[in-house]
Amino acid sequence: MAIVPDTKNWTWVLERPCPECGFDASSFPYGSVARELRLSSAAWRPLLMRQDALARPGPATWSTLEYGCHVRDVFTIFDGRLVRMLQEDDPLFENWDQDETAVAGRYGEQAPARVADELETAGGALADRFDQMGRDEWSRPGRRSDGATFTVNSLSRYLLHDIVHHLHDVG
């Protein structure tokens, strides 16, 4: 059975805590983004190595492996968006269909150990980029194709919620 695409607008997590995972992006300090990315990236390896990592808990819910592939790709997408925000004035991001990517990338057929390696590498690279930023760069703007606007600061907190939320999903 195919997963029903998530079409919700999750930008509200920038204003209040998420009732599902408990993460409060509204008060997360930008100086801790890189550290949290590294911790969250490392937390995926033991989850991906579980015996049940390939099994979907229900027909309409991704497996741990599929969530891990998604998180790996989120790191890559957000790294590209961050680079654009740092190099361009108010870039407009291309639409990214995460569900289409999951199907095309055959998430459920990938090797969990390889996904863990790729996820940690992508998360580490993104954390390094955040570590290298100057204080004034956190206010640089960018826009999503649906009209949502971000600063580097709000984009980083939106990203962290996504990662923490998916750890909650598979925890």
N, C-alpha and C. Protein backbone atom coordinates (compact mmCIF):
# COMPACT_ATOMS: atom_id res chain seq x y z
N MET A 1 0.84 -1.19 0.00
CA MET A 1 0.00 0.00 0.00
C MET A 1 0.88 1.24 0.00
N ALA A 2 0.54 2.20 -0.82
CA ALA A 2 1.29 3.45 -0.89
C ALA A 2 1.00 4.32 0.33
N ILE A 3 2.00 5.06 0.73
CA ILE A 3 1.85 6.00 1.83
C ILE A 3 1.08 7.22 1.32
N VAL A 4 0.13 7.68 2.10
CA VAL A 4 -0.62 8.89 1.75
C VAL A 4 0.33 10.08 1.97
N PRO A 5 0.52 10.91 0.94
CA PRO A 5 1.44 12.04 1.07
C PRO A 5 1.02 13.00 2.19
N ASP A 6 2.02 13.52 2.90
CA ASP A 6 1.79 14.51 3.95
C ASP A 6 1.79 15.88 3.29
N THR A 7 0.65 16.50 3.24
CA THR A 7 0.53 17.81 2.58
C THR A 7 0.34 18.94 3.59
N LYS A 8 0.52 18.64 4.87
CA LYS A 8 0.36 19.67 5.90
C LYS A 8 1.46 20.72 5.80
N ASN A 9 1.13 21.93 6.16
CA ASN A 9 2.11 22.99 6.26
C ASN A 9 2.63 23.00 7.69
N TRP A 10 3.86 22.54 7.87
CA TRP A 10 4.45 22.38 9.20
C TRP A 10 5.15 23.63 9.72
N THR A 11 5.05 24.76 9.02
CA THR A 11 5.76 25.96 9.47
C THR A 11 5.27 26.48 10.82
N TRP A 12 4.10 26.04 11.26
CA TRP A 12 3.59 26.46 12.57
C TRP A 12 4.53 26.03 13.70
N VAL A 13 5.38 25.03 13.46
CA VAL A 13 6.29 24.57 14.53
C VAL A 13 7.31 25.64 14.90
N LEU A 14 7.42 26.67 14.08
CA LEU A 14 8.34 27.77 14.41
C LEU A 14 7.76 28.69 15.48
N GLU A 15 6.47 28.55 15.74
CA GLU A 15 5.79 29.44 16.69
C GLU A 15 5.41 28.79 18.01
N ARG A 16 5.28 27.47 18.03
CA ARG A 16 4.85 26.78 19.26
C ARG A 16 5.39 25.35 19.26
N PRO A 17 5.47 24.75 20.45
CA PRO A 17 5.97 23.38 20.55
C PRO A 17 5.09 22.39 19.78
N CYS A 18 5.72 21.37 19.27
CA CYS A 18 4.98 20.32 18.57
C CYS A 18 4.35 19.39 19.61
N PRO A 19 3.04 19.22 19.57
CA PRO A 19 2.39 18.36 20.56
C PRO A 19 2.72 16.87 20.39
N GLU A 20 3.18 16.48 19.20
CA GLU A 20 3.50 15.08 18.97
C GLU A 20 4.88 14.71 19.49
N CYS A 21 5.92 15.49 19.12
CA CYS A 21 7.29 15.13 19.50
C CYS A 21 7.83 15.96 20.66
N GLY A 22 7.17 17.08 20.97
CA GLY A 22 7.58 17.92 22.08
C GLY A 22 8.65 18.94 21.77
N PHE A 23 9.21 18.92 20.56
CA PHE A 23 10.29 19.86 20.23
C PHE A 23 9.73 21.28 20.15
N ASP A 24 10.44 22.22 20.78
CA ASP A 24 10.04 23.63 20.76
C ASP A 24 11.03 24.41 19.92
N ALA A 25 10.75 24.52 18.63
CA ALA A 25 11.62 25.23 17.71
C ALA A 25 11.62 26.73 17.99
N SER A 26 10.54 27.23 18.59
CA SER A 26 10.42 28.68 18.81
C SER A 26 11.47 29.21 19.77
N SER A 27 11.97 28.37 20.64
CA SER A 27 12.94 28.85 21.63
C SER A 27 14.31 28.18 21.49
N PHE A 28 14.51 27.42 20.41
CA PHE A 28 15.79 26.72 20.26
C PHE A 28 16.88 27.72 19.87
N PRO A 29 18.00 27.74 20.60
CA PRO A 29 19.07 28.73 20.32
C PRO A 29 19.87 28.38 19.07
N TYR A 30 20.06 29.36 18.21
CA TYR A 30 20.76 29.10 16.94
C TYR A 30 22.18 28.61 17.17
N GLY A 31 22.79 28.98 18.27
CA GLY A 31 24.16 28.54 18.56
C GLY A 31 24.28 27.06 18.84
N SER A 32 23.15 26.38 19.02
CA SER A 32 23.16 24.94 19.31
C SER A 32 22.72 24.08 18.13
N VAL A 33 22.48 24.69 16.99
CA VAL A 33 21.97 23.95 15.84
C VAL A 33 22.94 22.87 15.40
N ALA A 34 24.20 23.20 15.21
CA ALA A 34 25.18 22.22 14.71
C ALA A 34 25.32 21.04 15.67
N ARG A 35 25.39 21.33 16.96
CA ARG A 35 25.51 20.26 17.95
C ARG A 35 24.30 19.33 17.90
N GLU A 36 23.11 19.90 17.82
CA GLU A 36 21.89 19.10 17.77
C GLU A 36 21.82 18.27 16.49
N LEU A 37 22.27 18.83 15.39
CA LEU A 37 22.31 18.07 14.13
C LEU A 37 23.23 16.85 14.26
N ARG A 38 24.38 17.04 14.88
CA ARG A 38 25.32 15.91 15.05
C ARG A 38 24.73 14.84 15.98
N LEU A 39 24.12 15.28 17.06
CA LEU A 39 23.51 14.32 18.00
C LEU A 39 22.37 13.55 17.33
N SER A 40 21.54 14.27 16.62
CA SER A 40 20.41 13.63 15.96
C SER A 40 20.87 12.69 14.86
N SER A 41 21.88 13.09 14.11
CA SER A 41 22.42 12.22 13.06
C SER A 41 22.93 10.91 13.64
N ALA A 42 23.67 11.00 14.72
CA ALA A 42 24.23 9.81 15.35
C ALA A 42 23.15 8.91 15.93
N ALA A 43 22.04 9.49 16.35
CA ALA A 43 20.96 8.70 16.96
C ALA A 43 20.30 7.76 15.96
N TRP A 44 20.46 8.02 14.67
CA TRP A 44 19.81 7.18 13.66
C TRP A 44 20.49 5.82 13.48
N ARG A 45 21.80 5.74 13.66
CA ARG A 45 22.51 4.48 13.38
C ARG A 45 21.93 3.30 14.17
N PRO A 46 21.80 3.38 15.49
CA PRO A 46 21.25 2.22 16.20
C PRO A 46 19.81 1.89 15.79
N LEU A 47 19.05 2.90 15.41
CA LEU A 47 17.68 2.65 14.96
C LEU A 47 17.68 1.91 13.62
N LEU A 48 18.57 2.31 12.74
CA LEU A 48 18.66 1.67 11.43
C LEU A 48 19.24 0.25 11.50
N MET A 49 19.94 -0.06 12.59
CA MET A 49 20.53 -1.38 12.74
C MET A 49 19.59 -2.37 13.44
N ARG A 50 18.43 -1.89 13.89
CA ARG A 50 17.46 -2.78 14.52
C ARG A 50 16.98 -3.82 13.51
N GLN A 51 16.60 -4.98 14.01
CA GLN A 51 16.11 -6.05 13.14
C GLN A 51 14.82 -5.66 12.42
N ASP A 52 14.03 -4.80 13.05
CA ASP A 52 12.75 -4.42 12.45
C ASP A 52 12.83 -3.14 11.62
N ALA A 53 14.02 -2.67 11.29
CA ALA A 53 14.19 -1.39 10.60
C ALA A 53 13.53 -1.36 9.22
N LEU A 54 13.40 -2.51 8.59
CA LEU A 54 12.81 -2.56 7.25
C LEU A 54 11.29 -2.74 7.27
N ALA A 55 10.74 -3.07 8.43
CA ALA A 55 9.31 -3.37 8.54
C ALA A 55 8.51 -2.10 8.79
N ARG A 56 7.44 -1.96 8.04
CA ARG A 56 6.52 -0.86 8.29
C ARG A 56 5.64 -1.25 9.48
N PRO A 57 5.45 -0.33 10.42
CA PRO A 57 4.58 -0.63 11.56
C PRO A 57 3.11 -0.74 11.17
N GLY A 58 2.78 -0.23 10.02
CA GLY A 58 1.43 -0.31 9.47
C GLY A 58 1.53 -0.02 7.99
N PRO A 59 0.53 -0.37 7.22
CA PRO A 59 0.62 -0.20 5.77
C PRO A 59 0.73 1.26 5.31
N ALA A 60 0.33 2.20 6.14
CA ALA A 60 0.36 3.61 5.75
C ALA A 60 1.45 4.40 6.47
N THR A 61 2.43 3.70 7.08
CA THR A 61 3.49 4.37 7.83
C THR A 61 4.84 3.88 7.33
N TRP A 62 5.74 4.82 7.11
CA TRP A 62 7.09 4.45 6.67
C TRP A 62 7.79 3.59 7.71
N SER A 63 8.69 2.76 7.24
CA SER A 63 9.57 1.98 8.10
C SER A 63 10.68 2.90 8.63
N THR A 64 11.42 2.42 9.61
CA THR A 64 12.58 3.18 10.12
C THR A 64 13.56 3.44 8.98
N LEU A 65 13.79 2.46 8.14
CA LEU A 65 14.69 2.64 7.00
C LEU A 65 14.20 3.75 6.08
N GLU A 66 12.91 3.76 5.78
CA GLU A 66 12.37 4.79 4.89
C GLU A 66 12.49 6.18 5.53
N TYR A 67 12.21 6.27 6.83
CA TYR A 67 12.40 7.55 7.52
C TYR A 67 13.87 7.96 7.50
N GLY A 68 14.77 7.00 7.70
CA GLY A 68 16.20 7.31 7.67
C GLY A 68 16.63 7.84 6.31
N CYS A 69 16.13 7.24 5.24
CA CYS A 69 16.43 7.74 3.88
C CYS A 69 15.90 9.16 3.72
N HIS A 70 14.70 9.39 4.22
CA HIS A 70 14.11 10.73 4.14
C HIS A 70 14.97 11.75 4.88
N VAL A 71 15.41 11.42 6.09
CA VAL A 71 16.23 12.34 6.88
C VAL A 71 17.55 12.62 6.16
N ARG A 72 18.16 11.59 5.62
CA ARG A 72 19.40 11.78 4.85
C ARG A 72 19.17 12.78 3.72
N ASP A 73 18.06 12.62 3.00
CA ASP A 73 17.76 13.50 1.88
C ASP A 73 17.37 14.90 2.35
N VAL A 74 16.71 14.99 3.50
CA VAL A 74 16.40 16.30 4.08
C VAL A 74 17.70 17.06 4.35
N PHE A 75 18.70 16.38 4.90
CA PHE A 75 19.99 17.03 5.15
C PHE A 75 20.58 17.58 3.85
N THR A 76 20.52 16.80 2.80
CA THR A 76 21.08 17.22 1.51
C THR A 76 20.30 18.40 0.93
N ILE A 77 18.99 18.31 0.95
CA ILE A 77 18.14 19.40 0.42
C ILE A 77 18.38 20.69 1.21
N PHE A 78 18.39 20.59 2.54
CA PHE A 78 18.55 21.79 3.36
C PHE A 78 19.95 22.35 3.26
N ASP A 79 20.94 21.51 3.03
CA ASP A 79 22.29 22.02 2.83
C ASP A 79 22.33 22.86 1.56
N GLY A 80 21.71 22.37 0.51
CA GLY A 80 21.64 23.15 -0.73
C GLY A 80 20.89 24.46 -0.55
N ARG A 81 19.83 24.42 0.21
CA ARG A 81 19.06 25.64 0.47
C ARG A 81 19.87 26.62 1.31
N LEU A 82 20.58 26.11 2.29
CA LEU A 82 21.42 26.97 3.12
C LEU A 82 22.50 27.64 2.27
N VAL A 83 23.15 26.88 1.42
CA VAL A 83 24.18 27.46 0.55
C VAL A 83 23.58 28.58 -0.29
N ARG A 84 22.41 28.34 -0.86
CA ARG A 84 21.77 29.38 -1.68
C ARG A 84 21.45 30.61 -0.84
N MET A 85 20.97 30.42 0.39
CA MET A 85 20.63 31.56 1.25
C MET A 85 21.88 32.37 1.59
N LEU A 86 23.00 31.70 1.71
CA LEU A 86 24.24 32.39 2.05
C LEU A 86 24.87 33.08 0.84
N GLN A 87 24.59 32.59 -0.36
CA GLN A 87 25.24 33.11 -1.55
C GLN A 87 24.34 34.00 -2.42
N GLU A 88 23.02 33.86 -2.28
CA GLU A 88 22.09 34.61 -3.12
C GLU A 88 21.21 35.50 -2.23
N ASP A 89 20.63 36.50 -2.86
CA ASP A 89 19.70 37.37 -2.16
C ASP A 89 18.30 36.81 -2.28
N ASP A 90 17.74 36.35 -1.17
CA ASP A 90 16.36 35.88 -1.08
C ASP A 90 16.02 34.84 -2.16
N PRO A 91 16.74 33.70 -2.21
CA PRO A 91 16.46 32.70 -3.25
C PRO A 91 15.08 32.07 -3.09
N LEU A 92 14.53 31.65 -4.21
CA LEU A 92 13.28 30.90 -4.24
C LEU A 92 13.65 29.44 -4.46
N PHE A 93 13.28 28.59 -3.50
CA PHE A 93 13.64 27.17 -3.56
C PHE A 93 12.69 26.41 -4.47
N GLU A 94 13.24 25.47 -5.20
CA GLU A 94 12.44 24.59 -6.02
C GLU A 94 11.57 23.73 -5.10
N ASN A 95 10.43 23.30 -5.60
CA ASN A 95 9.58 22.40 -4.85
C ASN A 95 10.28 21.05 -4.71
N TRP A 96 10.16 20.43 -3.56
CA TRP A 96 10.70 19.10 -3.34
C TRP A 96 9.56 18.21 -2.88
N ASP A 97 9.23 17.21 -3.66
CA ASP A 97 8.18 16.26 -3.31
C ASP A 97 8.83 15.08 -2.60
N GLN A 98 8.74 15.07 -1.29
CA GLN A 98 9.40 14.03 -0.50
C GLN A 98 8.82 12.65 -0.77
N ASP A 99 7.55 12.59 -1.05
CA ASP A 99 6.91 11.30 -1.31
C ASP A 99 7.33 10.73 -2.66
N GLU A 100 7.41 11.59 -3.66
CA GLU A 100 7.89 11.17 -4.97
C GLU A 100 9.35 10.70 -4.87
N THR A 101 10.15 11.41 -4.09
CA THR A 101 11.55 11.04 -3.89
C THR A 101 11.66 9.67 -3.23
N ALA A 102 10.78 9.40 -2.27
CA ALA A 102 10.80 8.10 -1.57
C ALA A 102 10.52 6.95 -2.53
N VAL A 103 9.55 7.15 -3.41
CA VAL A 103 9.21 6.10 -4.38
C VAL A 103 10.33 5.94 -5.41
N ALA A 104 10.76 7.05 -5.99
CA ALA A 104 11.80 7.00 -7.02
C ALA A 104 13.12 6.47 -6.47
N GLY A 105 13.41 6.81 -5.22
CA GLY A 105 14.65 6.37 -4.58
C GLY A 105 14.58 4.98 -3.97
N ARG A 106 13.41 4.37 -4.05
CA ARG A 106 13.21 3.01 -3.51
C ARG A 106 13.76 2.91 -2.08
N TYR A 107 13.27 3.83 -1.26
CA TYR A 107 13.74 3.92 0.12
C TYR A 107 13.71 2.58 0.85
N GLY A 108 12.64 1.83 0.68
CA GLY A 108 12.49 0.57 1.41
C GLY A 108 13.43 -0.53 0.98
N GLU A 109 14.17 -0.32 -0.11
CA GLU A 109 15.08 -1.33 -0.62
C GLU A 109 16.55 -1.00 -0.38
N GLN A 110 16.82 0.10 0.28
CA GLN A 110 18.21 0.51 0.50
C GLN A 110 18.83 -0.24 1.68
N ALA A 111 20.14 -0.26 1.74
CA ALA A 111 20.88 -0.96 2.78
C ALA A 111 20.96 -0.08 4.03
N PRO A 112 20.44 -0.55 5.16
CA PRO A 112 20.41 0.27 6.37
C PRO A 112 21.78 0.80 6.81
N ALA A 113 22.82 -0.01 6.74
CA ALA A 113 24.15 0.46 7.17
C ALA A 113 24.65 1.58 6.26
N ARG A 114 24.40 1.44 4.98
CA ARG A 114 24.82 2.48 4.04
C ARG A 114 24.02 3.76 4.29
N VAL A 115 22.73 3.63 4.54
CA VAL A 115 21.90 4.80 4.82
C VAL A 115 22.40 5.49 6.09
N ALA A 116 22.75 4.70 7.11
CA ALA A 116 23.29 5.29 8.35
C ALA A 116 24.56 6.08 8.07
N ASP A 117 25.45 5.52 7.24
CA ASP A 117 26.69 6.22 6.88
C ASP A 117 26.39 7.52 6.14
N GLU A 118 25.51 7.43 5.14
CA GLU A 118 25.18 8.60 4.34
C GLU A 118 24.46 9.67 5.15
N LEU A 119 23.59 9.24 6.05
CA LEU A 119 22.85 10.16 6.90
C LEU A 119 23.82 10.92 7.82
N GLU A 120 24.74 10.19 8.45
CA GLU A 120 25.71 10.84 9.33
C GLU A 120 26.63 11.78 8.56
N THR A 121 27.05 11.38 7.37
CA THR A 121 27.91 12.24 6.55
C THR A 121 27.17 13.51 6.15
N ALA A 122 25.95 13.37 5.66
CA ALA A 122 25.17 14.54 5.24
C ALA A 122 24.85 15.44 6.43
N GLY A 123 24.47 14.85 7.56
CA GLY A 123 24.17 15.64 8.75
C GLY A 123 25.41 16.35 9.28
N GLY A 124 26.55 15.67 9.23
CA GLY A 124 27.81 16.28 9.68
C GLY A 124 28.24 17.44 8.79
N ALA A 125 28.08 17.27 7.48
CA ALA A 125 28.43 18.34 6.54
C ALA A 125 27.56 19.57 6.77
N LEU A 126 26.27 19.34 6.99
CA LEU A 126 25.36 20.45 7.25
C LEU A 126 25.70 21.11 8.59
N ALA A 127 26.00 20.32 9.60
CA ALA A 127 26.40 20.88 10.90
C ALA A 127 27.67 21.72 10.76
N ASP A 128 28.63 21.22 9.98
CA ASP A 128 29.87 21.98 9.74
C ASP A 128 29.57 23.32 9.09
N ARG A 129 28.64 23.32 8.14
CA ARG A 129 28.30 24.58 7.45
C ARG A 129 27.68 25.57 8.46
N PHE A 130 26.81 25.08 9.34
CA PHE A 130 26.22 25.97 10.35
C PHE A 130 27.31 26.48 11.31
N ASP A 131 28.26 25.62 11.65
CA ASP A 131 29.36 26.03 12.54
C ASP A 131 30.20 27.16 11.95
N GLN A 132 30.31 27.20 10.64
CA GLN A 132 31.18 28.17 9.97
C GLN A 132 30.50 29.52 9.73
N MET A 133 29.24 29.62 10.06
CA MET A 133 28.50 30.85 9.76
C MET A 133 28.81 31.98 10.74
N GLY A 134 28.80 33.19 10.21
CA GLY A 134 28.93 34.37 11.04
C GLY A 134 27.59 34.77 11.61
N ARG A 135 27.60 35.51 12.68
CA ARG A 135 26.37 35.91 13.37
C ARG A 135 25.38 36.63 12.44
N ASP A 136 25.88 37.49 11.56
CA ASP A 136 24.99 38.25 10.68
C ASP A 136 24.35 37.39 9.58
N GLU A 137 24.89 36.22 9.31
CA GLU A 137 24.33 35.36 8.25
C GLU A 137 23.04 34.66 8.67
N TRP A 138 22.76 34.59 9.95
CA TRP A 138 21.56 33.90 10.44
C TRP A 138 20.26 34.61 10.04
N SER A 139 20.35 35.86 9.63
CA SER A 139 19.14 36.60 9.25
C SER A 139 18.92 36.64 7.73
N ARG A 140 19.78 35.99 6.97
CA ARG A 140 19.61 35.98 5.51
C ARG A 140 18.33 35.26 5.12
N PRO A 141 17.57 35.80 4.14
CA PRO A 141 16.26 35.23 3.78
C PRO A 141 16.29 34.22 2.64
N GLY A 142 15.22 33.45 2.57
CA GLY A 142 14.96 32.53 1.47
C GLY A 142 13.48 32.19 1.47
N ARG A 143 12.96 31.71 0.33
CA ARG A 143 11.54 31.41 0.22
C ARG A 143 11.33 30.03 -0.38
N ARG A 144 10.30 29.37 0.12
CA ARG A 144 9.89 28.09 -0.42
C ARG A 144 8.89 28.34 -1.55
N SER A 145 8.74 27.38 -2.44
CA SER A 145 7.87 27.56 -3.61
C SER A 145 6.40 27.77 -3.25
N ASP A 146 6.00 27.38 -2.02
CA ASP A 146 4.60 27.59 -1.61
C ASP A 146 4.38 28.95 -0.95
N GLY A 147 5.43 29.79 -0.94
CA GLY A 147 5.31 31.12 -0.39
C GLY A 147 5.82 31.28 1.04
N ALA A 148 6.14 30.18 1.71
CA ALA A 148 6.67 30.29 3.07
C ALA A 148 8.04 30.97 3.03
N THR A 149 8.25 31.90 3.95
CA THR A 149 9.52 32.62 4.00
C THR A 149 10.29 32.21 5.25
N PHE A 150 11.60 32.20 5.10
CA PHE A 150 12.49 31.77 6.17
C PHE A 150 13.69 32.71 6.24
N THR A 151 14.30 32.74 7.41
CA THR A 151 15.66 33.23 7.55
C THR A 151 16.51 31.98 7.78
N VAL A 152 17.81 32.12 7.73
CA VAL A 152 18.65 30.96 8.03
C VAL A 152 18.31 30.43 9.42
N ASN A 153 18.08 31.34 10.36
CA ASN A 153 17.73 30.95 11.72
C ASN A 153 16.44 30.13 11.74
N SER A 154 15.38 30.62 11.13
CA SER A 154 14.12 29.89 11.17
C SER A 154 14.20 28.59 10.35
N LEU A 155 14.94 28.61 9.24
CA LEU A 155 15.13 27.39 8.45
C LEU A 155 15.84 26.32 9.27
N SER A 156 16.83 26.72 10.05
CA SER A 156 17.57 25.75 10.87
C SER A 156 16.67 25.13 11.95
N ARG A 157 15.79 25.93 12.54
CA ARG A 157 14.89 25.42 13.57
C ARG A 157 13.79 24.56 12.96
N TYR A 158 13.33 24.91 11.78
CA TYR A 158 12.34 24.11 11.04
C TYR A 158 12.97 22.75 10.70
N LEU A 159 14.20 22.76 10.24
CA LEU A 159 14.95 21.54 9.95
C LEU A 159 15.07 20.66 11.19
N LEU A 160 15.48 21.26 12.30
CA LEU A 160 15.67 20.47 13.52
C LEU A 160 14.37 19.82 13.96
N HIS A 161 13.26 20.54 13.84
CA HIS A 161 11.99 19.92 14.21
C HIS A 161 11.75 18.68 13.37
N ASP A 162 11.98 18.77 12.07
CA ASP A 162 11.75 17.64 11.17
C ASP A 162 12.57 16.42 11.62
N ILE A 163 13.82 16.64 11.93
CA ILE A 163 14.70 15.54 12.31
C ILE A 163 14.27 14.95 13.66
N VAL A 164 14.04 15.81 14.65
CA VAL A 164 13.61 15.34 15.97
C VAL A 164 12.26 14.64 15.87
N HIS A 165 11.37 15.18 15.06
CA HIS A 165 10.04 14.59 14.92
C HIS A 165 10.14 13.17 14.33
N HIS A 166 10.99 13.00 13.35
CA HIS A 166 11.13 11.67 12.74
C HIS A 166 11.83 10.69 13.69
N LEU A 167 12.72 11.17 14.54
CA LEU A 167 13.27 10.28 15.58
C LEU A 167 12.14 9.82 16.51
N HIS A 168 11.25 10.74 16.82
CA HIS A 168 10.09 10.40 17.64
C HIS A 168 9.20 9.38 16.91
N ASP A 169 9.02 9.57 15.61
CA ASP A 169 8.20 8.66 14.82
C ASP A 169 8.69 7.22 14.91
N VAL A 170 9.99 7.03 14.91
CA VAL A 170 10.55 5.67 14.87
C VAL A 170 11.01 5.17 16.23
N GLY A 171 11.04 6.07 17.22
CA GLY A 171 11.56 5.72 18.55
C GLY A 171 10.74 4.69 19.25
